[in-house]
Amino acid sequence: MTEGQAMTVERVRAFHRATPFKPFTIRVADGRSFRVPHPELLSISPSGRTIHVEFGDDDFSTIDLLLVTEIQVTPPAAASA
């Protein structure tokens, strides 16, 4: 995402539905970040206003999409020779 562009639910869905899926990190305005290692750990509300990220053991965060500043794709780990 480039500076000055608003994060939209369509952009989040594009990362979420990418084939093949690539893990990504959601960054929000207050500096927190949320890693999404698998598509089943993210859900989008029907209204598209909030996203829900699960971390396991019933831990989760619900994020207002208006606070998302960046989505960063995590590069695959380098294969060892």
PDB file of N, CA and C in Angstrom:
ATOM      1  N   MET A   1       0.845  -1.173   0.000  1.00  0.00           N
ATOM      2  CA  MET A   1       0.000   0.000   0.000  1.00  0.00           C
ATOM      3  C   MET A   1       0.886   1.230   0.000  1.00  0.00           C
ATOM      4  N   THR A   2       0.561   2.201  -0.794  1.00  0.00           N
ATOM      5  CA  THR A   2       1.362   3.409  -0.833  1.00  0.00           C
ATOM      6  C   THR A   2       0.792   4.461   0.099  1.00  0.00           C
ATOM      7  N   GLU A   3       1.649   5.399   0.483  1.00  0.00           N
ATOM      8  CA  GLU A   3       1.235   6.448   1.400  1.00  0.00           C
ATOM      9  C   GLU A   3       0.097   7.252   0.795  1.00  0.00           C
ATOM     10  N   GLY A   4      -0.880   7.603   1.636  1.00  0.00           N
ATOM     11  CA  GLY A   4      -2.000   8.400   1.176  1.00  0.00           C
ATOM     12  C   GLY A   4      -3.185   7.583   0.697  1.00  0.00           C
ATOM     13  N   GLN A   5      -3.034   6.278   0.558  1.00  0.00           N
ATOM     14  CA  GLN A   5      -4.145   5.438   0.144  1.00  0.00           C
ATOM     15  C   GLN A   5      -4.825   4.858   1.378  1.00  0.00           C
ATOM     16  N   ALA A   6      -6.141   4.899   1.407  1.00  0.00           N
ATOM     17  CA  ALA A   6      -6.890   4.343   2.524  1.00  0.00           C
ATOM     18  C   ALA A   6      -6.956   2.825   2.384  1.00  0.00           C
ATOM     19  N   MET A   7      -6.863   2.156   3.524  1.00  0.00           N
ATOM     20  CA  MET A   7      -7.012   0.701   3.515  1.00  0.00           C
ATOM     21  C   MET A   7      -8.494   0.403   3.352  1.00  0.00           C
ATOM     22  N   THR A   8      -8.827  -0.445   2.419  1.00  0.00           N
ATOM     23  CA  THR A   8     -10.218  -0.814   2.184  1.00  0.00           C
ATOM     24  C   THR A   8     -10.393  -2.298   2.465  1.00  0.00           C
ATOM     25  N   VAL A   9     -11.631  -2.682   2.701  1.00  0.00           N
ATOM     26  CA  VAL A   9     -11.911  -4.091   2.946  1.00  0.00           C
ATOM     27  C   VAL A   9     -11.529  -4.925   1.719  1.00  0.00           C
ATOM     28  N   GLU A  10     -11.628  -4.351   0.530  1.00  0.00           N
ATOM     29  CA  GLU A  10     -11.255  -5.099  -0.678  1.00  0.00           C
ATOM     30  C   GLU A  10      -9.762  -5.423  -0.679  1.00  0.00           C
ATOM     31  N   ARG A  11      -8.943  -4.491  -0.200  1.00  0.00           N
ATOM     32  CA  ARG A  11      -7.494  -4.750  -0.133  1.00  0.00           C
ATOM     33  C   ARG A  11      -7.179  -5.830   0.881  1.00  0.00           C
ATOM     34  N   VAL A  12      -7.840  -5.777   2.030  1.00  0.00           N
ATOM     35  CA  VAL A  12      -7.627  -6.811   3.045  1.00  0.00           C
ATOM     36  C   VAL A  12      -8.058  -8.165   2.481  1.00  0.00           C
ATOM     37  N   ARG A  13      -9.196  -8.208   1.822  1.00  0.00           N
ATOM     38  CA  ARG A  13      -9.678  -9.471   1.235  1.00  0.00           C
ATOM     39  C   ARG A  13      -8.705 -10.004   0.191  1.00  0.00           C
ATOM     40  N   ALA A  14      -8.073  -9.130  -0.563  1.00  0.00           N
ATOM     41  CA  ALA A  14      -7.120  -9.567  -1.580  1.00  0.00           C
ATOM     42  C   ALA A  14      -5.949 -10.316  -0.936  1.00  0.00           C
ATOM     43  N   PHE A  15      -5.423  -9.799   0.173  1.00  0.00           N
ATOM     44  CA  PHE A  15      -4.350 -10.499   0.883  1.00  0.00           C
ATOM     45  C   PHE A  15      -4.870 -11.784   1.513  1.00  0.00           C
ATOM     46  N   HIS A  16      -6.063 -11.723   2.074  1.00  0.00           N
ATOM     47  CA  HIS A  16      -6.663 -12.871   2.764  1.00  0.00           C
ATOM     48  C   HIS A  16      -6.955 -14.027   1.808  1.00  0.00           C
ATOM     49  N   ARG A  17      -7.369 -13.705   0.599  1.00  0.00           N
ATOM     50  CA  ARG A  17      -7.781 -14.731  -0.374  1.00  0.00           C
ATOM     51  C   ARG A  17      -6.699 -15.068  -1.400  1.00  0.00           C
ATOM     52  N   ALA A  18      -5.520 -14.497  -1.251  1.00  0.00           N
ATOM     53  CA  ALA A  18      -4.445 -14.735  -2.228  1.00  0.00           C
ATOM     54  C   ALA A  18      -4.167 -16.227  -2.378  1.00  0.00           C
ATOM     55  N   THR A  19      -3.929 -16.632  -3.622  1.00  0.00           N
ATOM     56  CA  THR A  19      -3.587 -18.021  -3.917  1.00  0.00           C
ATOM     57  C   THR A  19      -2.286 -18.036  -4.682  1.00  0.00           C
ATOM     58  N   PRO A  20      -1.228 -18.605  -4.144  1.00  0.00           N
ATOM     59  CA  PRO A  20      -1.187 -19.213  -2.816  1.00  0.00           C
ATOM     60  C   PRO A  20      -1.177 -18.134  -1.734  1.00  0.00           C
ATOM     61  N   PHE A  21      -1.676 -18.504  -0.558  1.00  0.00           N
ATOM     62  CA  PHE A  21      -1.701 -17.575   0.568  1.00  0.00           C
ATOM     63  C   PHE A  21      -0.281 -17.270   1.015  1.00  0.00           C
ATOM     64  N   LYS A  22      -0.014 -15.996   1.306  1.00  0.00           N
ATOM     65  CA  LYS A  22       1.278 -15.585   1.848  1.00  0.00           C
ATOM     66  C   LYS A  22       1.027 -14.935   3.201  1.00  0.00           C
ATOM     67  N   PRO A  23       1.686 -15.403   4.259  1.00  0.00           N
ATOM     68  CA  PRO A  23       1.497 -14.790   5.575  1.00  0.00           C
ATOM     69  C   PRO A  23       1.758 -13.288   5.504  1.00  0.00           C
ATOM     70  N   PHE A  24       1.019 -12.535   6.313  1.00  0.00           N
ATOM     71  CA  PHE A  24       1.188 -11.085   6.310  1.00  0.00           C
ATOM     72  C   PHE A  24       1.001 -10.526   7.708  1.00  0.00           C
ATOM     73  N   THR A  25       1.409  -9.269   7.865  1.00  0.00           N
ATOM     74  CA  THR A  25       1.288  -8.553   9.131  1.00  0.00           C
ATOM     75  C   THR A  25       0.439  -7.321   8.907  1.00  0.00           C
ATOM     76  N   ILE A  26      -0.538  -7.128   9.782  1.00  0.00           N
ATOM     77  CA  ILE A  26      -1.395  -5.947   9.755  1.00  0.00           C
ATOM     78  C   ILE A  26      -0.836  -4.962  10.765  1.00  0.00           C
ATOM     79  N   ARG A  27      -0.581  -3.739  10.341  1.00  0.00           N
ATOM     80  CA  ARG A  27      -0.092  -2.691  11.240  1.00  0.00           C
ATOM     81  C   ARG A  27      -1.187  -1.646  11.420  1.00  0.00           C
ATOM     82  N   VAL A  28      -1.318  -1.160  12.670  1.00  0.00           N
ATOM     83  CA  VAL A  28      -2.349  -0.167  12.968  1.00  0.00           C
ATOM     84  C   VAL A  28      -1.712   1.134  13.438  1.00  0.00           C
ATOM     85  N   ALA A  29      -2.527   2.187  13.491  1.00  0.00           N
ATOM     86  CA  ALA A  29      -2.049   3.544  13.737  1.00  0.00           C
ATOM     87  C   ALA A  29      -1.294   3.713  15.047  1.00  0.00           C
ATOM     88  N   ASP A  30      -1.609   2.923  16.067  1.00  0.00           N
ATOM     89  CA  ASP A  30      -0.917   3.091  17.355  1.00  0.00           C
ATOM     90  C   ASP A  30       0.390   2.310  17.437  1.00  0.00           C
ATOM     91  N   GLY A  31       0.817   1.697  16.333  1.00  0.00           N
ATOM     92  CA  GLY A  31       2.096   1.007  16.287  1.00  0.00           C
ATOM     93  C   GLY A  31       2.029  -0.492  16.508  1.00  0.00           C
ATOM     94  N   ARG A  32       0.874  -0.996  16.935  1.00  0.00           N
ATOM     95  CA  ARG A  32       0.761  -2.451  17.124  1.00  0.00           C
ATOM     96  C   ARG A  32       0.755  -3.157  15.777  1.00  0.00           C
ATOM     97  N   SER A  33       1.123  -4.446  15.805  1.00  0.00           N
ATOM     98  CA  SER A  33       1.080  -5.248  14.589  1.00  0.00           C
ATOM     99  C   SER A  33       0.489  -6.608  14.923  1.00  0.00           C
ATOM    100  N   PHE A  34      -0.165  -7.208  13.921  1.00  0.00           N
ATOM    101  CA  PHE A  34      -0.861  -8.471  14.079  1.00  0.00           C
ATOM    102  C   PHE A  34      -0.477  -9.386  12.927  1.00  0.00           C
ATOM    103  N   ARG A  35       0.214 -10.464  13.234  1.00  0.00           N
ATOM    104  CA  ARG A  35       0.654 -11.413  12.207  1.00  0.00           C
ATOM    105  C   ARG A  35      -0.485 -12.376  11.878  1.00  0.00           C
ATOM    106  N   VAL A  36      -0.678 -12.604  10.579  1.00  0.00           N
ATOM    107  CA  VAL A  36      -1.687 -13.549  10.093  1.00  0.00           C
ATOM    108  C   VAL A  36      -0.936 -14.641   9.332  1.00  0.00           C
ATOM    109  N   PRO A  37      -0.601 -15.759  10.010  1.00  0.00           N
ATOM    110  CA  PRO A  37       0.180 -16.807   9.367  1.00  0.00           C
ATOM    111  C   PRO A  37      -0.642 -17.768   8.498  1.00  0.00           C
ATOM    112  N   HIS A  38      -1.974 -17.733   8.671  1.00  0.00           N
ATOM    113  CA  HIS A  38      -2.844 -18.658   7.940  1.00  0.00           C
ATOM    114  C   HIS A  38      -4.193 -17.976   7.716  1.00  0.00           C
ATOM    115  N   PRO A  39      -4.827 -18.183   6.560  1.00  0.00           N
ATOM    116  CA  PRO A  39      -6.079 -17.482   6.271  1.00  0.00           C
ATOM    117  C   PRO A  39      -7.214 -17.797   7.251  1.00  0.00           C
ATOM    118  N   GLU A  40      -7.195 -18.970   7.872  1.00  0.00           N
ATOM    119  CA  GLU A  40      -8.261 -19.322   8.809  1.00  0.00           C
ATOM    120  C   GLU A  40      -8.186 -18.528  10.114  1.00  0.00           C
ATOM    121  N   LEU A  41      -7.102 -17.785  10.321  1.00  0.00           N
ATOM    122  CA  LEU A  41      -6.944 -17.023  11.558  1.00  0.00           C
ATOM    123  C   LEU A  41      -7.416 -15.577  11.418  1.00  0.00           C
ATOM    124  N   LEU A  42      -7.985 -15.235  10.273  1.00  0.00           N
ATOM    125  CA  LEU A  42      -8.503 -13.888  10.044  1.00  0.00           C
ATOM    126  C   LEU A  42      -9.931 -13.989   9.543  1.00  0.00           C
ATOM    127  N   SER A  43     -10.791 -13.152  10.073  1.00  0.00           N
ATOM    128  CA  SER A  43     -12.144 -13.052   9.530  1.00  0.00           C
ATOM    129  C   SER A  43     -12.500 -11.573   9.399  1.00  0.00           C
ATOM    130  N   ILE A  44     -13.409 -11.303   8.496  1.00  0.00           N
ATOM    131  CA  ILE A  44     -13.840  -9.940   8.207  1.00  0.00           C
ATOM    132  C   ILE A  44     -15.324  -9.859   8.526  1.00  0.00           C
ATOM    133  N   SER A  45     -15.720  -8.823   9.255  1.00  0.00           N
ATOM    134  CA  SER A  45     -17.133  -8.671   9.616  1.00  0.00           C
ATOM    135  C   SER A  45     -17.975  -8.489   8.352  1.00  0.00           C
ATOM    136  N   PRO A  46     -19.256  -8.868   8.428  1.00  0.00           N
ATOM    137  CA  PRO A  46     -20.126  -8.706   7.255  1.00  0.00           C
ATOM    138  C   PRO A  46     -20.170  -7.266   6.739  1.00  0.00           C
ATOM    139  N   SER A  47     -20.069  -6.299   7.630  1.00  0.00           N
ATOM    140  CA  SER A  47     -20.111  -4.895   7.203  1.00  0.00           C
ATOM    141  C   SER A  47     -18.791  -4.449   6.582  1.00  0.00           C
ATOM    142  N   GLY A  48     -17.703  -5.198   6.847  1.00  0.00           N
ATOM    143  CA  GLY A  48     -16.387  -4.815   6.351  1.00  0.00           C
ATOM    144  C   GLY A  48     -15.724  -3.748   7.204  1.00  0.00           C
ATOM    145  N   ARG A  49     -16.297  -3.425   8.328  1.00  0.00           N
ATOM    146  CA  ARG A  49     -15.760  -2.360   9.193  1.00  0.00           C
ATOM    147  C   ARG A  49     -14.662  -2.876  10.121  1.00  0.00           C
ATOM    148  N   THR A  50     -14.772  -4.125  10.560  1.00  0.00           N
ATOM    149  CA  THR A  50     -13.784  -4.683  11.481  1.00  0.00           C
ATOM    150  C   THR A  50     -13.227  -5.989  10.959  1.00  0.00           C
ATOM    151  N   ILE A  51     -12.007  -6.293  11.403  1.00  0.00           N
ATOM    152  CA  ILE A  51     -11.385  -7.573  11.115  1.00  0.00           C
ATOM    153  C   ILE A  51     -11.028  -8.210  12.449  1.00  0.00           C
ATOM    154  N   HIS A  52     -11.022  -9.521  12.461  1.00  0.00           N
ATOM    155  CA  HIS A  52     -10.825 -10.297  13.676  1.00  0.00           C
ATOM    156  C   HIS A  52      -9.623 -11.218  13.434  1.00  0.00           C
ATOM    157  N   VAL A  53      -8.583 -11.081  14.257  1.00  0.00           N
ATOM    158  CA  VAL A  53      -7.381 -11.899  14.116  1.00  0.00           C
ATOM    159  C   VAL A  53      -7.263 -12.792  15.349  1.00  0.00           C
ATOM    160  N   GLU A  54      -7.134 -14.098  15.128  1.00  0.00           N
ATOM    161  CA  GLU A  54      -7.003 -15.062  16.221  1.00  0.00           C
ATOM    162  C   GLU A  54      -5.549 -15.458  16.393  1.00  0.00           C
ATOM    163  N   PHE A  55      -5.170 -15.688  17.652  1.00  0.00           N
ATOM    164  CA  PHE A  55      -3.788 -16.051  17.979  1.00  0.00           C
ATOM    165  C   PHE A  55      -3.671 -17.442  18.590  1.00  0.00           C
ATOM    166  N   GLY A  56      -4.767 -18.125  18.838  1.00  0.00           N
ATOM    167  CA  GLY A  56      -4.756 -19.429  19.482  1.00  0.00           C
ATOM    168  C   GLY A  56      -5.113 -19.300  20.952  1.00  0.00           C
ATOM    169  N   ASP A  57      -5.498 -20.407  21.555  1.00  0.00           N
ATOM    170  CA  ASP A  57      -5.877 -20.437  22.975  1.00  0.00           C
ATOM    171  C   ASP A  57      -6.917 -19.371  23.308  1.00  0.00           C
ATOM    172  N   ASP A  58      -7.865 -19.158  22.425  1.00  0.00           N
ATOM    173  CA  ASP A  58      -8.950 -18.194  22.613  1.00  0.00           C
ATOM    174  C   ASP A  58      -8.485 -16.743  22.702  1.00  0.00           C
ATOM    175  N   ASP A  59      -7.239 -16.454  22.314  1.00  0.00           N
ATOM    176  CA  ASP A  59      -6.758 -15.068  22.250  1.00  0.00           C
ATOM    177  C   ASP A  59      -7.084 -14.511  20.865  1.00  0.00           C
ATOM    178  N   PHE A  60      -7.570 -13.280  20.839  1.00  0.00           N
ATOM    179  CA  PHE A  60      -7.888 -12.651  19.559  1.00  0.00           C
ATOM    180  C   PHE A  60      -7.898 -11.142  19.725  1.00  0.00           C
ATOM    181  N   SER A  61      -7.873 -10.439  18.601  1.00  0.00           N
ATOM    182  CA  SER A  61      -8.032  -8.987  18.560  1.00  0.00           C
ATOM    183  C   SER A  61      -9.038  -8.652  17.471  1.00  0.00           C
ATOM    184  N   THR A  62      -9.872  -7.679  17.768  1.00  0.00           N
ATOM    185  CA  THR A  62     -10.791  -7.143  16.781  1.00  0.00           C
ATOM    186  C   THR A  62     -10.293  -5.741  16.446  1.00  0.00           C
ATOM    187  N   ILE A  63     -10.097  -5.479  15.166  1.00  0.00           N
ATOM    188  CA  ILE A  63      -9.450  -4.251  14.711  1.00  0.00           C
ATOM    189  C   ILE A  63     -10.398  -3.472  13.806  1.00  0.00           C
ATOM    190  N   ASP A  64     -10.530  -2.191  14.074  1.00  0.00           N
ATOM    191  CA  ASP A  64     -11.310  -1.305  13.216  1.00  0.00           C
ATOM    192  C   ASP A  64     -10.493  -1.069  11.947  1.00  0.00           C
ATOM    193  N   LEU A  65     -11.063  -1.360  10.803  1.00  0.00           N
ATOM    194  CA  LEU A  65     -10.339  -1.247   9.541  1.00  0.00           C
ATOM    195  C   LEU A  65      -9.833   0.171   9.293  1.00  0.00           C
ATOM    196  N   LEU A  66     -10.516   1.170   9.848  1.00  0.00           N
ATOM    197  CA  LEU A  66     -10.064   2.556   9.663  1.00  0.00           C
ATOM    198  C   LEU A  66      -8.725   2.821  10.336  1.00  0.00           C
ATOM    199  N   LEU A  67      -8.316   1.965  11.276  1.00  0.00           N
ATOM    200  CA  LEU A  67      -7.044   2.144  11.983  1.00  0.00           C
ATOM    201  C   LEU A  67      -5.875   1.428  11.313  1.00  0.00           C
ATOM    202  N   VAL A  68      -6.154   0.609  10.303  1.00  0.00           N
ATOM    203  CA  VAL A  68      -5.097  -0.137   9.618  1.00  0.00           C
ATOM    204  C   VAL A  68      -4.311   0.821   8.727  1.00  0.00           C
ATOM    205  N   THR A  69      -2.994   0.834   8.936  1.00  0.00           N
ATOM    206  CA  THR A  69      -2.137   1.729   8.158  1.00  0.00           C
ATOM    207  C   THR A  69      -1.330   0.998   7.096  1.00  0.00           C
ATOM    208  N   GLU A  70      -1.113  -0.312   7.301  1.00  0.00           N
ATOM    209  CA  GLU A  70      -0.259  -1.055   6.370  1.00  0.00           C
ATOM    210  C   GLU A  70      -0.523  -2.541   6.495  1.00  0.00           C
ATOM    211  N   ILE A  71      -0.363  -3.236   5.396  1.00  0.00           N
ATOM    212  CA  ILE A  71      -0.297  -4.699   5.396  1.00  0.00           C
ATOM    213  C   ILE A  71       1.020  -5.060   4.744  1.00  0.00           C
ATOM    214  N   GLN A  72       1.811  -5.816   5.478  1.00  0.00           N
ATOM    215  CA  GLN A  72       3.141  -6.201   4.996  1.00  0.00           C
ATOM    216  C   GLN A  72       3.175  -7.705   4.799  1.00  0.00           C
ATOM    217  N   VAL A  73       3.493  -8.127   3.580  1.00  0.00           N
ATOM    218  CA  VAL A  73       3.614  -9.548   3.281  1.00  0.00           C
ATOM    219  C   VAL A  73       4.938 -10.043   3.838  1.00  0.00           C
ATOM    220  N   THR A  74       4.881 -11.180   4.518  1.00  0.00           N
ATOM    221  CA  THR A  74       6.071 -11.764   5.112  1.00  0.00           C
ATOM    222  C   THR A  74       6.769 -12.616   4.064  1.00  0.00           C
ATOM    223  N   PRO A  75       8.017 -12.302   3.721  1.00  0.00           N
ATOM    224  CA  PRO A  75       8.708 -13.114   2.722  1.00  0.00           C
ATOM    225  C   PRO A  75       8.938 -14.528   3.251  1.00  0.00           C
ATOM    226  N   PRO A  76       8.940 -15.514   2.356  1.00  0.00           N
ATOM    227  CA  PRO A  76       9.188 -16.885   2.794  1.00  0.00           C
ATOM    228  C   PRO A  76      10.602 -17.014   3.364  1.00  0.00           C
ATOM    229  N   ALA A  77      10.755 -17.917   4.316  1.00  0.00           N
ATOM    230  CA  ALA A  77      12.077 -18.157   4.899  1.00  0.00           C
ATOM    231  C   ALA A  77      13.014 -18.711   3.831  1.00  0.00           C
ATOM    232  N   ALA A  78      14.255 -18.291   3.889  1.00  0.00           N
ATOM    233  CA  ALA A  78      15.236 -18.780   2.914  1.00  0.00           C
ATOM    234  C   ALA A  78      15.499 -20.257   3.152  1.00  0.00           C
ATOM    235  N   ALA A  79      15.536 -20.992   2.071  1.00  0.00           N
ATOM    236  CA  ALA A  79      15.812 -22.425   2.175  1.00  0.00           C
ATOM    237  C   ALA A  79      17.290 -22.631   2.492  1.00  0.00           C
ATOM    238  N   SER A  80      17.562 -23.526   3.408  1.00  0.00           N
ATOM    239  CA  SER A  80      18.971 -23.784   3.741  1.00  0.00           C
ATOM    240  C   SER A  80      19.542 -24.790   2.758  1.00  0.00           C
ATOM    241  N   ALA A  81      20.805 -24.597   2.421  1.00  0.00           N
ATOM    242  CA  ALA A  81      21.448 -25.443   1.411  1.00  0.00           C
ATOM    243  C   ALA A  81      22.050 -26.668   2.007  1.00  0.00           C
TER     244      ALA A  81
END
